Amino acid sequence: MQAWLGRWNGPEGTYLQLDAAGGGRYEVRIKDLDAERRFPATVKDGAVQFERDGKQESIKATDGDATGMKWLAGKRTCLTVHPGEGYCRD
């Protein structure tokens, strides 16, 4: 997960920031078009898992095509929460 730390950019100024919080825990910060929100997270089965709005979410390593977002198509180093929500490094 060390390689996943830091900021990952999405379209229109959105981003995902993954920070180590110590003790095997992480903090996920997601900036959407409205605001930045923070979520405590853990690693399980090769994914970073967190709860958002009562739903379990998992962040997985993908490429831009797997994000399902035309703005990220063709990029090679990305994280995807679910199809339609992804972030990449340029």
PDB file of N, CA and C in Angstrom:
ATOM      1  N   MET A   1       0.811  -1.208   0.000  1.00  0.00           N
ATOM      2  CA  MET A   1       0.000   0.000   0.000  1.00  0.00           C
ATOM      3  C   MET A   1       0.854   1.271   0.000  1.00  0.00           C
ATOM      4  N   GLN A   2       2.135   1.129   0.281  1.00  0.00           N
ATOM      5  CA  GLN A   2       3.009   2.309   0.291  1.00  0.00           C
ATOM      6  C   GLN A   2       2.939   3.069  -1.030  1.00  0.00           C
ATOM      7  N   ALA A   3       2.895   2.353  -2.142  1.00  0.00           N
ATOM      8  CA  ALA A   3       2.865   2.993  -3.459  1.00  0.00           C
ATOM      9  C   ALA A   3       1.556   3.744  -3.696  1.00  0.00           C
ATOM     10  N   TRP A   4       0.546   3.428  -2.923  1.00  0.00           N
ATOM     11  CA  TRP A   4      -0.749   4.090  -3.089  1.00  0.00           C
ATOM     12  C   TRP A   4      -0.844   5.391  -2.298  1.00  0.00           C
ATOM     13  N   LEU A   5       0.065   5.627  -1.376  1.00  0.00           N
ATOM     14  CA  LEU A   5      -0.008   6.828  -0.549  1.00  0.00           C
ATOM     15  C   LEU A   5       0.136   8.084  -1.398  1.00  0.00           C
ATOM     16  N   GLY A   6      -0.552   9.125  -0.977  1.00  0.00           N
ATOM     17  CA  GLY A   6      -0.480  10.401  -1.672  1.00  0.00           C
ATOM     18  C   GLY A   6      -1.758  10.705  -2.435  1.00  0.00           C
ATOM     19  N   ARG A   7      -1.628  11.656  -3.330  1.00  0.00           N
ATOM     20  CA  ARG A   7      -2.792  12.192  -4.041  1.00  0.00           C
ATOM     21  C   ARG A   7      -2.956  11.565  -5.416  1.00  0.00           C
ATOM     22  N   TRP A   8      -4.199  11.249  -5.735  1.00  0.00           N
ATOM     23  CA  TRP A   8      -4.609  10.681  -7.009  1.00  0.00           C
ATOM     24  C   TRP A   8      -5.673  11.610  -7.586  1.00  0.00           C
ATOM     25  N   ASN A   9      -5.519  12.030  -8.814  1.00  0.00           N
ATOM     26  CA  ASN A   9      -6.413  13.033  -9.402  1.00  0.00           C
ATOM     27  C   ASN A   9      -7.522  12.421 -10.235  1.00  0.00           C
ATOM     28  N   GLY A  10      -8.693  13.027 -10.092  1.00  0.00           N
ATOM     29  CA  GLY A  10      -9.840  12.669 -10.913  1.00  0.00           C
ATOM     30  C   GLY A  10     -10.180  13.847 -11.809  1.00  0.00           C
ATOM     31  N   PRO A  11     -11.300  13.778 -12.506  1.00  0.00           N
ATOM     32  CA  PRO A  11     -11.696  14.873 -13.386  1.00  0.00           C
ATOM     33  C   PRO A  11     -12.230  16.080 -12.614  1.00  0.00           C
ATOM     34  N   GLU A  12     -12.132  17.234 -13.224  1.00  0.00           N
ATOM     35  CA  GLU A  12     -12.749  18.466 -12.731  1.00  0.00           C
ATOM     36  C   GLU A  12     -12.335  18.836 -11.302  1.00  0.00           C
ATOM     37  N   GLY A  13     -11.067  18.608 -10.964  1.00  0.00           N
ATOM     38  CA  GLY A  13     -10.573  19.007  -9.646  1.00  0.00           C
ATOM     39  C   GLY A  13     -10.864  18.036  -8.527  1.00  0.00           C
ATOM     40  N   THR A  14     -11.434  16.894  -8.820  1.00  0.00           N
ATOM     41  CA  THR A  14     -11.672  15.895  -7.779  1.00  0.00           C
ATOM     42  C   THR A  14     -10.375  15.146  -7.487  1.00  0.00           C
ATOM     43  N   TYR A  15     -10.282  14.557  -6.306  1.00  0.00           N
ATOM     44  CA  TYR A  15      -9.107  13.758  -5.987  1.00  0.00           C
ATOM     45  C   TYR A  15      -9.391  12.798  -4.852  1.00  0.00           C
ATOM     46  N   LEU A  16      -8.490  11.828  -4.725  1.00  0.00           N
ATOM     47  CA  LEU A  16      -8.452  10.912  -3.601  1.00  0.00           C
ATOM     48  C   LEU A  16      -7.058  11.032  -3.010  1.00  0.00           C
ATOM     49  N   GLN A  17      -6.988  11.218  -1.700  1.00  0.00           N
ATOM     50  CA  GLN A  17      -5.703  11.297  -0.979  1.00  0.00           C
ATOM     51  C   GLN A  17      -5.695  10.153   0.016  1.00  0.00           C
ATOM     52  N   LEU A  18      -4.653   9.331  -0.048  1.00  0.00           N
ATOM     53  CA  LEU A  18      -4.513   8.221   0.885  1.00  0.00           C
ATOM     54  C   LEU A  18      -3.298   8.486   1.768  1.00  0.00           C
ATOM     55  N   ASP A  19      -3.519   8.507   3.086  1.00  0.00           N
ATOM     56  CA  ASP A  19      -2.453   8.768   4.051  1.00  0.00           C
ATOM     57  C   ASP A  19      -2.394   7.640   5.070  1.00  0.00           C
ATOM     58  N   ALA A  20      -1.184   7.288   5.501  1.00  0.00           N
ATOM     59  CA  ALA A  20      -1.012   6.320   6.578  1.00  0.00           C
ATOM     60  C   ALA A  20      -1.403   6.988   7.891  1.00  0.00           C
ATOM     61  N   ALA A  21      -2.136   6.252   8.718  1.00  0.00           N
ATOM     62  CA  ALA A  21      -2.576   6.794  10.005  1.00  0.00           C
ATOM     63  C   ALA A  21      -1.916   6.055  11.169  1.00  0.00           C
ATOM     64  N   GLY A  22      -1.013   5.116  10.881  1.00  0.00           N
ATOM     65  CA  GLY A  22      -0.324   4.371  11.926  1.00  0.00           C
ATOM     66  C   GLY A  22      -1.076   3.117  12.331  1.00  0.00           C
ATOM     67  N   GLY A  23      -0.326   2.140  12.781  1.00  0.00           N
ATOM     68  CA  GLY A  23      -0.940   0.900  13.258  1.00  0.00           C
ATOM     69  C   GLY A  23      -1.687   0.132  12.189  1.00  0.00           C
ATOM     70  N   GLY A  24      -1.250   0.227  10.943  1.00  0.00           N
ATOM     71  CA  GLY A  24      -1.930  -0.483   9.862  1.00  0.00           C
ATOM     72  C   GLY A  24      -3.217   0.164   9.403  1.00  0.00           C
ATOM     73  N   ARG A  25      -3.452   1.373   9.865  1.00  0.00           N
ATOM     74  CA  ARG A  25      -4.674   2.090   9.481  1.00  0.00           C
ATOM     75  C   ARG A  25      -4.320   3.199   8.500  1.00  0.00           C
ATOM     76  N   TYR A  26      -5.328   3.635   7.786  1.00  0.00           N
ATOM     77  CA  TYR A  26      -5.162   4.682   6.782  1.00  0.00           C
ATOM     78  C   TYR A  26      -6.285   5.697   6.904  1.00  0.00           C
ATOM     79  N   GLU A  27      -6.071   6.839   6.272  1.00  0.00           N
ATOM     80  CA  GLU A  27      -7.133   7.829   6.138  1.00  0.00           C
ATOM     81  C   GLU A  27      -7.313   8.102   4.647  1.00  0.00           C
ATOM     82  N   VAL A  28      -8.560   8.021   4.213  1.00  0.00           N
ATOM     83  CA  VAL A  28      -8.928   8.323   2.836  1.00  0.00           C
ATOM     84  C   VAL A  28      -9.594   9.688   2.835  1.00  0.00           C
ATOM     85  N   ARG A  29      -9.097  10.591   2.002  1.00  0.00           N
ATOM     86  CA  ARG A  29      -9.748  11.891   1.796  1.00  0.00           C
ATOM     87  C   ARG A  29     -10.215  11.926   0.350  1.00  0.00           C
ATOM     88  N   ILE A  30     -11.492  12.181   0.160  1.00  0.00           N
ATOM     89  CA  ILE A  30     -12.047  12.259  -1.183  1.00  0.00           C
ATOM     90  C   ILE A  30     -12.668  13.631  -1.377  1.00  0.00           C
ATOM     91  N   LYS A  31     -12.199  14.323  -2.402  1.00  0.00           N
ATOM     92  CA  LYS A  31     -12.741  15.638  -2.780  1.00  0.00           C
ATOM     93  C   LYS A  31     -13.605  15.433  -4.006  1.00  0.00           C
ATOM     94  N   ASP A  32     -14.900  15.685  -3.849  1.00  0.00           N
ATOM     95  CA  ASP A  32     -15.783  15.641  -5.007  1.00  0.00           C
ATOM     96  C   ASP A  32     -16.081  17.077  -5.419  1.00  0.00           C
ATOM     97  N   LEU A  33     -17.099  17.284  -6.196  1.00  0.00           N
ATOM     98  CA  LEU A  33     -17.397  18.634  -6.680  1.00  0.00           C
ATOM     99  C   LEU A  33     -17.906  19.550  -5.577  1.00  0.00           C
ATOM    100  N   ASP A  34     -18.332  18.978  -4.440  1.00  0.00           N
ATOM    101  CA  ASP A  34     -18.894  19.781  -3.352  1.00  0.00           C
ATOM    102  C   ASP A  34     -17.904  20.066  -2.222  1.00  0.00           C
ATOM    103  N   ALA A  35     -17.241  19.035  -1.723  1.00  0.00           N
ATOM    104  CA  ALA A  35     -16.381  19.211  -0.544  1.00  0.00           C
ATOM    105  C   ALA A  35     -15.434  18.039  -0.399  1.00  0.00           C
ATOM    106  N   GLU A  36     -14.459  18.190   0.504  1.00  0.00           N
ATOM    107  CA  GLU A  36     -13.573  17.086   0.855  1.00  0.00           C
ATOM    108  C   GLU A  36     -14.140  16.380   2.068  1.00  0.00           C
ATOM    109  N   ARG A  37     -14.126  15.057   2.024  1.00  0.00           N
ATOM    110  CA  ARG A  37     -14.577  14.249   3.153  1.00  0.00           C
ATOM    111  C   ARG A  37     -13.466  13.286   3.535  1.00  0.00           C
ATOM    112  N   ARG A  38     -13.423  12.900   4.814  1.00  0.00           N
ATOM    113  CA  ARG A  38     -12.388  12.011   5.339  1.00  0.00           C
ATOM    114  C   ARG A  38     -13.036  10.743   5.897  1.00  0.00           C
ATOM    115  N   PHE A  39     -12.324   9.623   5.679  1.00  0.00           N
ATOM    116  CA  PHE A  39     -12.832   8.331   6.125  1.00  0.00           C
ATOM    117  C   PHE A  39     -11.691   7.491   6.684  1.00  0.00           C
ATOM    118  N   PRO A  40     -11.852   6.876   7.858  1.00  0.00           N
ATOM    119  CA  PRO A  40     -10.847   5.928   8.332  1.00  0.00           C
ATOM    120  C   PRO A  40     -10.908   4.675   7.467  1.00  0.00           C
ATOM    121  N   ALA A  41      -9.737   4.047   7.255  1.00  0.00           N
ATOM    122  CA  ALA A  41      -9.683   2.899   6.355  1.00  0.00           C
ATOM    123  C   ALA A  41      -8.712   1.849   6.865  1.00  0.00           C
ATOM    124  N   THR A  42      -8.887   0.636   6.375  1.00  0.00           N
ATOM    125  CA  THR A  42      -7.988  -0.480   6.661  1.00  0.00           C
ATOM    126  C   THR A  42      -7.713  -1.217   5.355  1.00  0.00           C
ATOM    127  N   VAL A  43      -6.733  -2.116   5.393  1.00  0.00           N
ATOM    128  CA  VAL A  43      -6.409  -2.934   4.225  1.00  0.00           C
ATOM    129  C   VAL A  43      -6.936  -4.341   4.450  1.00  0.00           C
ATOM    130  N   LYS A  44      -7.608  -4.872   3.435  1.00  0.00           N
ATOM    131  CA  LYS A  44      -8.114  -6.236   3.499  1.00  0.00           C
ATOM    132  C   LYS A  44      -8.168  -6.791   2.083  1.00  0.00           C
ATOM    133  N   ASP A  45      -7.632  -7.977   1.910  1.00  0.00           N
ATOM    134  CA  ASP A  45      -7.658  -8.663   0.616  1.00  0.00           C
ATOM    135  C   ASP A  45      -7.096  -7.816  -0.517  1.00  0.00           C
ATOM    136  N   GLY A  46      -6.014  -7.085  -0.243  1.00  0.00           N
ATOM    137  CA  GLY A  46      -5.354  -6.299  -1.273  1.00  0.00           C
ATOM    138  C   GLY A  46      -6.057  -5.018  -1.672  1.00  0.00           C
ATOM    139  N   ALA A  47      -7.040  -4.611  -0.884  1.00  0.00           N
ATOM    140  CA  ALA A  47      -7.783  -3.380  -1.165  1.00  0.00           C
ATOM    141  C   ALA A  47      -7.839  -2.525   0.093  1.00  0.00           C
ATOM    142  N   VAL A  48      -7.969  -1.228  -0.088  1.00  0.00           N
ATOM    143  CA  VAL A  48      -8.201  -0.311   1.023  1.00  0.00           C
ATOM    144  C   VAL A  48      -9.705  -0.204   1.194  1.00  0.00           C
ATOM    145  N   GLN A  49     -10.188  -0.495   2.392  1.00  0.00           N
ATOM    146  CA  GLN A  49     -11.623  -0.513   2.635  1.00  0.00           C
ATOM    147  C   GLN A  49     -12.015   0.580   3.619  1.00  0.00           C
ATOM    148  N   PHE A  50     -13.150   1.214   3.322  1.00  0.00           N
ATOM    149  CA  PHE A  50     -13.688   2.259   4.188  1.00  0.00           C
ATOM    150  C   PHE A  50     -15.191   2.286   4.048  1.00  0.00           C
ATOM    151  N   GLU A  51     -15.848   2.946   5.002  1.00  0.00           N
ATOM    152  CA  GLU A  51     -17.303   3.078   4.961  1.00  0.00           C
ATOM    153  C   GLU A  51     -17.658   4.513   4.620  1.00  0.00           C
ATOM    154  N   ARG A  52     -18.564   4.665   3.646  1.00  0.00           N
ATOM    155  CA  ARG A  52     -19.044   5.993   3.251  1.00  0.00           C
ATOM    156  C   ARG A  52     -20.559   5.933   3.140  1.00  0.00           C
ATOM    157  N   ASP A  53     -21.206   6.799   3.885  1.00  0.00           N
ATOM    158  CA  ASP A  53     -22.668   6.894   3.855  1.00  0.00           C
ATOM    159  C   ASP A  53     -23.331   5.538   4.092  1.00  0.00           C
ATOM    160  N   GLY A  54     -22.776   4.765   5.051  1.00  0.00           N
ATOM    161  CA  GLY A  54     -23.358   3.481   5.419  1.00  0.00           C
ATOM    162  C   GLY A  54     -23.040   2.342   4.465  1.00  0.00           C
ATOM    163  N   LYS A  55     -22.184   2.568   3.479  1.00  0.00           N
ATOM    164  CA  LYS A  55     -21.846   1.544   2.491  1.00  0.00           C
ATOM    165  C   LYS A  55     -20.356   1.229   2.540  1.00  0.00           C
ATOM    166  N   GLN A  56     -20.004  -0.054   2.541  1.00  0.00           N
ATOM    167  CA  GLN A  56     -18.597  -0.463   2.487  1.00  0.00           C
ATOM    168  C   GLN A  56     -18.061  -0.209   1.086  1.00  0.00           C
ATOM    169  N   GLU A  57     -16.933   0.478   1.007  1.00  0.00           N
ATOM    170  CA  GLU A  57     -16.280   0.781  -0.270  1.00  0.00           C
ATOM    171  C   GLU A  57     -14.898   0.152  -0.259  1.00  0.00           C
ATOM    172  N   SER A  58     -14.394  -0.200  -1.428  1.00  0.00           N
ATOM    173  CA  SER A  58     -13.054  -0.766  -1.575  1.00  0.00           C
ATOM    174  C   SER A  58     -12.319  -0.027  -2.680  1.00  0.00           C
ATOM    175  N   ILE A  59     -11.086   0.344  -2.407  1.00  0.00           N
ATOM    176  CA  ILE A  59     -10.226   0.988  -3.386  1.00  0.00           C
ATOM    177  C   ILE A  59      -9.277  -0.071  -3.918  1.00  0.00           C
ATOM    178  N   LYS A  60      -9.228  -0.209  -5.255  1.00  0.00           N
ATOM    179  CA  LYS A  60      -8.378  -1.206  -5.886  1.00  0.00           C
ATOM    180  C   LYS A  60      -7.514  -0.553  -6.951  1.00  0.00           C
ATOM    181  N   ALA A  61      -6.334  -1.109  -7.184  1.00  0.00           N
ATOM    182  CA  ALA A  61      -5.451  -0.627  -8.234  1.00  0.00           C
ATOM    183  C   ALA A  61      -6.003  -1.076  -9.594  1.00  0.00           C
ATOM    184  N   THR A  62      -6.080  -0.140 -10.537  1.00  0.00           N
ATOM    185  CA  THR A  62      -6.573  -0.428 -11.885  1.00  0.00           C
ATOM    186  C   THR A  62      -5.816   0.443 -12.882  1.00  0.00           C
ATOM    187  N   ASP A  63      -6.286   0.395 -14.110  1.00  0.00           N
ATOM    188  CA  ASP A  63      -5.833   1.364 -15.100  1.00  0.00           C
ATOM    189  C   ASP A  63      -6.993   2.310 -15.375  1.00  0.00           C
ATOM    190  N   GLY A  64      -6.758   3.318 -16.192  1.00  0.00           N
ATOM    191  CA  GLY A  64      -7.787   4.310 -16.461  1.00  0.00           C
ATOM    192  C   GLY A  64      -9.021   3.748 -17.131  1.00  0.00           C
ATOM    193  N   ASP A  65      -8.839   2.783 -18.017  1.00  0.00           N
ATOM    194  CA  ASP A  65      -9.985   2.184 -18.700  1.00  0.00           C
ATOM    195  C   ASP A  65     -10.923   1.498 -17.709  1.00  0.00           C
ATOM    196  N   ALA A  66     -10.367   0.862 -16.686  1.00  0.00           N
ATOM    197  CA  ALA A  66     -11.172   0.145 -15.690  1.00  0.00           C
ATOM    198  C   ALA A  66     -11.976   1.083 -14.794  1.00  0.00           C
ATOM    199  N   THR A  67     -11.616   2.380 -14.764  1.00  0.00           N
ATOM    200  CA  THR A  67     -12.394   3.310 -13.951  1.00  0.00           C
ATOM    201  C   THR A  67     -13.766   3.566 -14.554  1.00  0.00           C
ATOM    202  N   GLY A  68     -13.891   3.317 -15.863  1.00  0.00           N
ATOM    203  CA  GLY A  68     -15.147   3.582 -16.547  1.00  0.00           C
ATOM    204  C   GLY A  68     -15.379   5.055 -16.819  1.00  0.00           C
ATOM    205  N   MET A  69     -14.322   5.855 -16.704  1.00  0.00           N
ATOM    206  CA  MET A  69     -14.441   7.301 -16.870  1.00  0.00           C
ATOM    207  C   MET A  69     -13.652   7.738 -18.100  1.00  0.00           C
ATOM    208  N   LYS A  70     -14.322   8.382 -19.052  1.00  0.00           N
ATOM    209  CA  LYS A  70     -13.657   8.751 -20.302  1.00  0.00           C
ATOM    210  C   LYS A  70     -12.480   9.697 -20.077  1.00  0.00           C
ATOM    211  N   TRP A  71     -12.521  10.505 -19.021  1.00  0.00           N
ATOM    212  CA  TRP A  71     -11.443  11.450 -18.737  1.00  0.00           C
ATOM    213  C   TRP A  71     -10.155  10.751 -18.327  1.00  0.00           C
ATOM    214  N   LEU A  72     -10.274   9.513 -17.845  1.00  0.00           N
ATOM    215  CA  LEU A  72      -9.108   8.783 -17.350  1.00  0.00           C
ATOM    216  C   LEU A  72      -8.682   7.654 -18.288  1.00  0.00           C
ATOM    217  N   ALA A  73      -9.405   7.469 -19.375  1.00  0.00           N
ATOM    218  CA  ALA A  73      -9.090   6.397 -20.326  1.00  0.00           C
ATOM    219  C   ALA A  73      -7.654   6.552 -20.830  1.00  0.00           C
ATOM    220  N   GLY A  74      -6.965   5.432 -20.925  1.00  0.00           N
ATOM    221  CA  GLY A  74      -5.603   5.423 -21.425  1.00  0.00           C
ATOM    222  C   GLY A  74      -4.538   5.614 -20.360  1.00  0.00           C
ATOM    223  N   LYS A  75      -4.924   6.037 -19.173  1.00  0.00           N
ATOM    224  CA  LYS A  75      -3.942   6.187 -18.090  1.00  0.00           C
ATOM    225  C   LYS A  75      -3.606   4.805 -17.541  1.00  0.00           C
ATOM    226  N   ARG A  76      -2.406   4.670 -17.004  1.00  0.00           N
ATOM    227  CA  ARG A  76      -1.949   3.338 -16.596  1.00  0.00           C
ATOM    228  C   ARG A  76      -1.917   3.101 -15.093  1.00  0.00           C
ATOM    229  N   THR A  77      -1.848   4.148 -14.285  1.00  0.00           N
ATOM    230  CA  THR A  77      -1.714   3.973 -12.837  1.00  0.00           C
ATOM    231  C   THR A  77      -2.876   4.659 -12.140  1.00  0.00           C
ATOM    232  N   CYS A  78      -3.863   3.882 -11.736  1.00  0.00           N
ATOM    233  CA  CYS A  78      -5.095   4.453 -11.185  1.00  0.00           C
ATOM    234  C   CYS A  78      -5.582   3.651  -9.978  1.00  0.00           C
ATOM    235  N   LEU A  79      -6.456   4.275  -9.220  1.00  0.00           N
ATOM    236  CA  LEU A  79      -7.207   3.623  -8.156  1.00  0.00           C
ATOM    237  C   LEU A  79      -8.683   3.795  -8.468  1.00  0.00           C
ATOM    238  N   THR A  80      -9.440   2.725  -8.286  1.00  0.00           N
ATOM    239  CA  THR A  80     -10.874   2.770  -8.558  1.00  0.00           C
ATOM    240  C   THR A  80     -11.638   2.366  -7.307  1.00  0.00           C
ATOM    241  N   VAL A  81     -12.645   3.181  -6.951  1.00  0.00           N
ATOM    242  CA  VAL A  81     -13.543   2.843  -5.849  1.00  0.00           C
ATOM    243  C   VAL A  81     -14.649   1.946  -6.391  1.00  0.00           C
ATOM    244  N   HIS A  82     -15.241   2.339  -7.499  1.00  0.00           N
ATOM    245  CA  HIS A  82     -16.219   1.540  -8.235  1.00  0.00           C
ATOM    246  C   HIS A  82     -16.305   2.140  -9.634  1.00  0.00           C
ATOM    247  N   PRO A  83     -16.853   1.429 -10.617  1.00  0.00           N
ATOM    248  CA  PRO A  83     -16.936   2.006 -11.965  1.00  0.00           C
ATOM    249  C   PRO A  83     -17.639   3.362 -11.922  1.00  0.00           C
ATOM    250  N   GLY A  84     -16.986   4.356 -12.483  1.00  0.00           N
ATOM    251  CA  GLY A  84     -17.525   5.706 -12.455  1.00  0.00           C
ATOM    252  C   GLY A  84     -16.896   6.572 -11.372  1.00  0.00           C
ATOM    253  N   GLU A  85     -16.049   5.975 -10.519  1.00  0.00           N
ATOM    254  CA  GLU A  85     -15.313   6.743  -9.510  1.00  0.00           C
ATOM    255  C   GLU A  85     -13.887   6.234  -9.460  1.00  0.00           C
ATOM    256  N   GLY A  86     -13.013   6.959 -10.122  1.00  0.00           N
ATOM    257  CA  GLY A  86     -11.611   6.572 -10.180  1.00  0.00           C
ATOM    258  C   GLY A  86     -10.710   7.792 -10.163  1.00  0.00           C
ATOM    259  N   TYR A  87      -9.446   7.529  -9.861  1.00  0.00           N
ATOM    260  CA  TYR A  87      -8.440   8.597  -9.724  1.00  0.00           C
ATOM    261  C   TYR A  87      -7.122   8.037 -10.244  1.00  0.00           C
ATOM    262  N   CYS A  88      -6.337   8.875 -10.926  1.00  0.00           N
ATOM    263  CA  CYS A  88      -5.092   8.401 -11.535  1.00  0.00           C
ATOM    264  C   CYS A  88      -3.936   9.328 -11.201  1.00  0.00           C
ATOM    265  N   ARG A  89      -2.755   8.791 -11.449  1.00  0.00           N
ATOM    266  CA  ARG A  89      -1.540   9.599 -11.400  1.00  0.00           C
ATOM    267  C   ARG A  89      -1.070   9.764 -12.821  1.00  0.00           C
ATOM    268  N   ASP A  90      -0.657  10.957 -13.159  1.00  0.00           N
ATOM    269  CA  ASP A  90      -0.254  11.223 -14.545  1.00  0.00           C
ATOM    270  C   ASP A  90       1.139  10.745 -14.829  1.00  0.00           C
TER     271      ASP A  90
END
